N, C-alpha and C. Protein backbone atom coordinates (compact mmCIF):
# COMPACT_ATOMS: atom_id res chain seq x y z
N MET A 1 105.58 13.00 22.45
CA MET A 1 106.98 13.35 21.92
C MET A 1 107.90 12.18 22.32
N ASP A 2 108.96 11.78 21.59
CA ASP A 2 109.72 10.77 21.67
C ASP A 2 111.05 10.82 22.44
N ASN A 3 111.67 9.80 23.03
CA ASN A 3 112.88 9.96 23.85
C ASN A 3 113.96 10.49 22.99
N LYS A 4 114.16 10.43 21.74
CA LYS A 4 115.26 11.09 20.87
C LYS A 4 115.05 12.49 21.11
N PHE A 5 113.91 13.00 20.90
CA PHE A 5 113.75 14.50 21.03
C PHE A 5 114.30 14.92 22.50
N PHE A 6 113.98 14.36 23.44
CA PHE A 6 114.40 14.71 24.86
C PHE A 6 115.85 14.61 25.02
N LYS A 7 116.46 13.50 24.28
CA LYS A 7 117.79 13.20 24.44
C LYS A 7 118.57 14.34 23.90
N ASN A 8 118.16 14.65 22.58
CA ASN A 8 118.70 15.95 21.93
C ASN A 8 118.67 17.14 22.74
N LEU A 9 117.44 17.25 23.40
CA LEU A 9 117.44 18.56 24.15
C LEU A 9 118.49 18.46 25.31
N GLU A 10 118.37 17.32 25.96
CA GLU A 10 119.43 17.33 27.15
C GLU A 10 120.81 17.60 26.60
N ASN A 11 121.19 16.89 25.44
CA ASN A 11 122.60 17.15 24.95
C ASN A 11 122.76 18.46 24.55
N LYS A 12 121.84 19.29 24.08
CA LYS A 12 121.92 20.63 23.85
C LYS A 12 121.96 21.61 25.05
N THR A 13 121.04 21.33 25.96
CA THR A 13 121.06 22.37 27.02
C THR A 13 121.89 21.86 28.43
N GLY A 14 122.07 20.62 28.41
CA GLY A 14 122.85 19.93 29.63
C GLY A 14 121.83 19.86 30.80
N VAL A 15 120.58 19.96 30.47
CA VAL A 15 119.64 20.03 31.52
C VAL A 15 118.82 18.54 31.44
N ASN A 16 118.65 17.90 32.55
CA ASN A 16 118.18 16.45 32.46
C ASN A 16 116.60 16.77 32.43
N MET A 17 116.02 16.07 31.44
CA MET A 17 114.43 16.42 31.18
C MET A 17 113.67 15.47 32.33
N ASN A 18 114.30 14.59 33.12
CA ASN A 18 113.55 13.92 34.33
C ASN A 18 113.40 14.96 35.34
N ASP A 19 114.49 15.76 35.43
CA ASP A 19 114.40 16.78 36.54
C ASP A 19 113.46 17.88 36.11
N VAL A 20 113.37 18.29 34.82
CA VAL A 20 112.24 19.17 34.32
C VAL A 20 110.96 18.61 34.58
N PHE A 21 110.72 17.45 34.43
CA PHE A 21 109.32 16.89 34.46
C PHE A 21 109.07 16.79 36.07
N SER A 22 109.89 16.51 36.88
CA SER A 22 109.71 16.40 38.13
C SER A 22 109.44 17.92 38.76
N LEU A 23 110.18 18.83 38.25
CA LEU A 23 109.92 20.10 38.70
C LEU A 23 108.38 20.50 38.29
N ALA A 24 108.03 20.08 37.11
CA ALA A 24 106.91 20.58 36.46
C ALA A 24 105.74 20.04 37.41
N ASN A 25 105.78 18.64 37.73
CA ASN A 25 104.91 17.99 38.47
C ASN A 25 104.76 18.60 39.77
N SER A 26 105.86 19.09 40.42
CA SER A 26 105.61 19.66 41.70
C SER A 26 105.02 20.98 41.68
N LEU A 27 104.93 21.62 40.55
CA LEU A 27 104.20 22.95 40.42
C LEU A 27 102.98 22.86 40.57
N GLN A 28 102.38 21.84 40.11
CA GLN A 28 101.02 21.66 40.07
C GLN A 28 100.27 21.70 41.39
N GLY A 29 99.34 22.79 41.46
CA GLY A 29 98.66 22.97 42.89
C GLY A 29 99.49 23.72 43.76
N ALA A 30 100.69 24.15 43.44
CA ALA A 30 101.39 25.00 44.40
C ALA A 30 100.84 26.38 44.58
N ASN A 31 101.02 27.02 45.70
CA ASN A 31 100.85 28.31 46.18
C ASN A 31 101.85 29.35 45.88
N PHE A 32 101.72 30.08 44.63
CA PHE A 32 102.59 30.78 44.44
C PHE A 32 102.35 32.24 44.89
N LYS A 33 101.46 32.32 45.87
CA LYS A 33 101.54 33.64 46.70
C LYS A 33 102.22 33.35 48.00
N ASP A 34 102.61 32.36 48.01
CA ASP A 34 103.54 31.96 49.12
C ASP A 34 105.13 32.20 49.02
N GLU A 35 105.73 32.93 49.70
CA GLU A 35 106.90 33.45 49.33
C GLU A 35 108.07 32.21 49.46
N GLN A 36 107.78 31.42 50.39
CA GLN A 36 108.71 30.17 50.62
C GLN A 36 108.65 29.12 49.31
N THR A 37 107.39 28.99 49.05
CA THR A 37 107.29 28.22 47.66
C THR A 37 107.86 28.68 46.62
N VAL A 38 107.68 30.00 46.40
CA VAL A 38 108.36 30.73 45.08
C VAL A 38 109.79 30.45 45.42
N ARG A 39 110.40 30.74 46.40
CA ARG A 39 111.96 30.58 46.58
C ARG A 39 112.31 29.34 46.36
N ASN A 40 111.59 28.33 46.76
CA ASN A 40 112.10 26.85 46.56
C ASN A 40 112.01 26.71 45.19
N VAL A 41 111.01 27.02 44.43
CA VAL A 41 110.88 26.74 42.85
C VAL A 41 112.23 27.62 42.16
N ILE A 42 112.34 28.87 42.55
CA ILE A 42 113.56 29.43 41.99
C ILE A 42 115.02 28.72 42.34
N GLN A 43 115.11 28.31 43.51
CA GLN A 43 116.30 27.73 43.78
C GLN A 43 116.47 26.35 43.11
N ARG A 44 115.32 25.58 42.90
CA ARG A 44 115.28 24.34 42.29
C ARG A 44 115.70 24.68 40.70
N VAL A 45 114.97 25.50 40.00
CA VAL A 45 115.23 25.88 38.63
C VAL A 45 116.80 26.24 38.63
N SER A 46 117.12 27.03 39.35
CA SER A 46 118.55 27.47 39.43
C SER A 46 119.56 26.06 39.40
N GLN A 47 119.20 25.23 40.40
CA GLN A 47 120.09 23.96 40.40
C GLN A 47 119.92 23.20 39.01
N ILE A 48 118.64 22.91 38.56
CA ILE A 48 118.55 22.14 37.42
C ILE A 48 119.29 22.79 36.20
N ALA A 49 119.32 24.21 36.10
CA ALA A 49 119.82 24.88 34.94
C ALA A 49 121.26 25.17 35.25
N ASN A 50 121.67 24.93 36.45
CA ASN A 50 123.24 25.00 36.76
C ASN A 50 123.55 26.66 36.48
N LYS A 51 122.80 27.33 37.04
CA LYS A 51 122.73 28.78 36.91
C LYS A 51 122.50 29.51 38.31
N PRO A 52 123.64 29.95 38.93
CA PRO A 52 123.48 30.44 40.33
C PRO A 52 122.50 31.69 40.17
N VAL A 53 121.66 31.97 41.42
CA VAL A 53 120.92 33.07 41.44
C VAL A 53 121.45 33.89 42.63
N SER A 54 121.75 35.11 42.63
CA SER A 54 122.03 35.95 43.63
C SER A 54 120.97 35.99 44.50
N LYS A 55 121.12 36.30 46.01
CA LYS A 55 120.18 36.73 46.72
C LYS A 55 119.30 37.79 46.32
N GLN A 56 120.00 38.77 45.86
CA GLN A 56 119.32 39.95 45.29
C GLN A 56 118.31 39.71 44.21
N MET A 57 118.88 38.85 43.29
CA MET A 57 118.17 38.48 42.16
C MET A 57 116.93 37.57 42.66
N GLU A 58 117.08 36.68 43.50
CA GLU A 58 116.04 35.91 44.02
C GLU A 58 114.97 36.63 44.54
N ASP A 59 115.21 37.71 45.34
CA ASP A 59 114.35 38.64 46.16
C ASP A 59 113.48 39.35 45.11
N LYS A 60 114.16 39.89 43.97
CA LYS A 60 113.48 40.52 43.07
C LYS A 60 112.51 39.58 42.31
N ILE A 61 112.92 38.34 41.93
CA ILE A 61 111.90 37.42 41.32
C ILE A 61 110.78 37.19 42.21
N VAL A 62 111.17 36.96 43.40
CA VAL A 62 110.01 36.59 44.53
C VAL A 62 109.15 37.50 44.68
N LYS A 63 109.46 38.84 44.80
CA LYS A 63 108.55 40.09 44.87
C LYS A 63 107.68 40.15 43.76
N SER A 64 108.36 39.91 42.52
CA SER A 64 107.56 40.07 41.24
C SER A 64 106.42 39.04 41.23
N ILE A 65 106.89 37.74 41.58
CA ILE A 65 105.67 36.85 41.32
C ILE A 65 104.80 36.85 42.55
N VAL A 66 105.11 36.99 43.61
CA VAL A 66 104.01 36.91 44.92
C VAL A 66 103.26 38.13 44.64
N ASN A 67 103.73 39.12 44.23
CA ASN A 67 102.85 40.38 44.15
C ASN A 67 102.00 40.33 42.91
N GLY A 68 102.19 39.43 42.14
CA GLY A 68 101.37 39.17 40.82
C GLY A 68 101.79 39.90 39.62
N ASP A 69 103.18 40.49 39.81
CA ASP A 69 103.75 41.29 38.49
C ASP A 69 103.90 40.36 37.49
N GLU A 70 104.32 39.19 37.71
CA GLU A 70 104.91 38.28 36.85
C GLU A 70 104.18 36.87 37.10
N LYS A 71 103.86 36.18 35.98
CA LYS A 71 103.33 34.62 36.06
C LYS A 71 104.49 33.69 36.40
N LEU A 72 104.38 32.66 37.05
CA LEU A 72 105.40 31.88 37.24
C LEU A 72 105.41 30.72 36.32
N ASP A 73 106.35 30.69 35.36
CA ASP A 73 106.66 29.65 34.53
C ASP A 73 108.07 29.55 34.21
N LEU A 74 108.69 28.61 33.88
CA LEU A 74 109.97 28.33 33.50
C LEU A 74 110.61 29.55 32.63
N SER A 75 109.82 29.96 31.65
CA SER A 75 110.43 31.02 30.69
C SER A 75 110.62 32.23 31.52
N THR A 76 109.45 32.61 32.20
CA THR A 76 109.62 33.89 33.04
C THR A 76 110.78 33.90 33.93
N ILE A 77 111.10 32.81 34.62
CA ILE A 77 112.08 32.74 35.62
C ILE A 77 113.41 32.63 34.83
N SER A 78 113.58 32.13 33.77
CA SER A 78 114.65 32.12 33.01
C SER A 78 115.05 33.38 32.41
N LYS A 79 113.97 34.18 31.95
CA LYS A 79 114.45 35.57 31.40
C LYS A 79 114.98 36.36 32.71
N MET A 80 114.34 36.26 33.72
CA MET A 80 114.59 37.02 34.85
C MET A 80 116.11 36.72 35.41
N MET A 81 116.40 35.39 35.53
CA MET A 81 117.74 35.07 35.81
C MET A 81 118.70 35.48 34.91
N GLY A 82 118.43 35.63 33.52
CA GLY A 82 119.40 36.08 32.50
C GLY A 82 119.57 37.57 32.42
N LYS A 83 118.87 38.27 33.27
CA LYS A 83 119.07 39.72 33.29
C LYS A 83 120.35 39.95 34.23
N LYS A 84 121.08 40.84 33.70
CA LYS A 84 122.29 41.31 34.51
C LYS A 84 122.04 42.50 35.36
């Protein structure tokens, strides 16, 4: 993919693609059965997306992922964060 594509994506979303790539790289080999790892990922996604996550929502996401109810990917977390 070319840089123009990513620049357009950054402009539309306000999300820095370098941050997204850095997050994706940090997820490789991570233990998603570890609660603290999952919390760190949620907090990092929240910061990158500039979308605050309440403690209650974080707990719900963590429980769902650690228990294997949900797979951990950016789409799943985004959907869960978008729920009111």
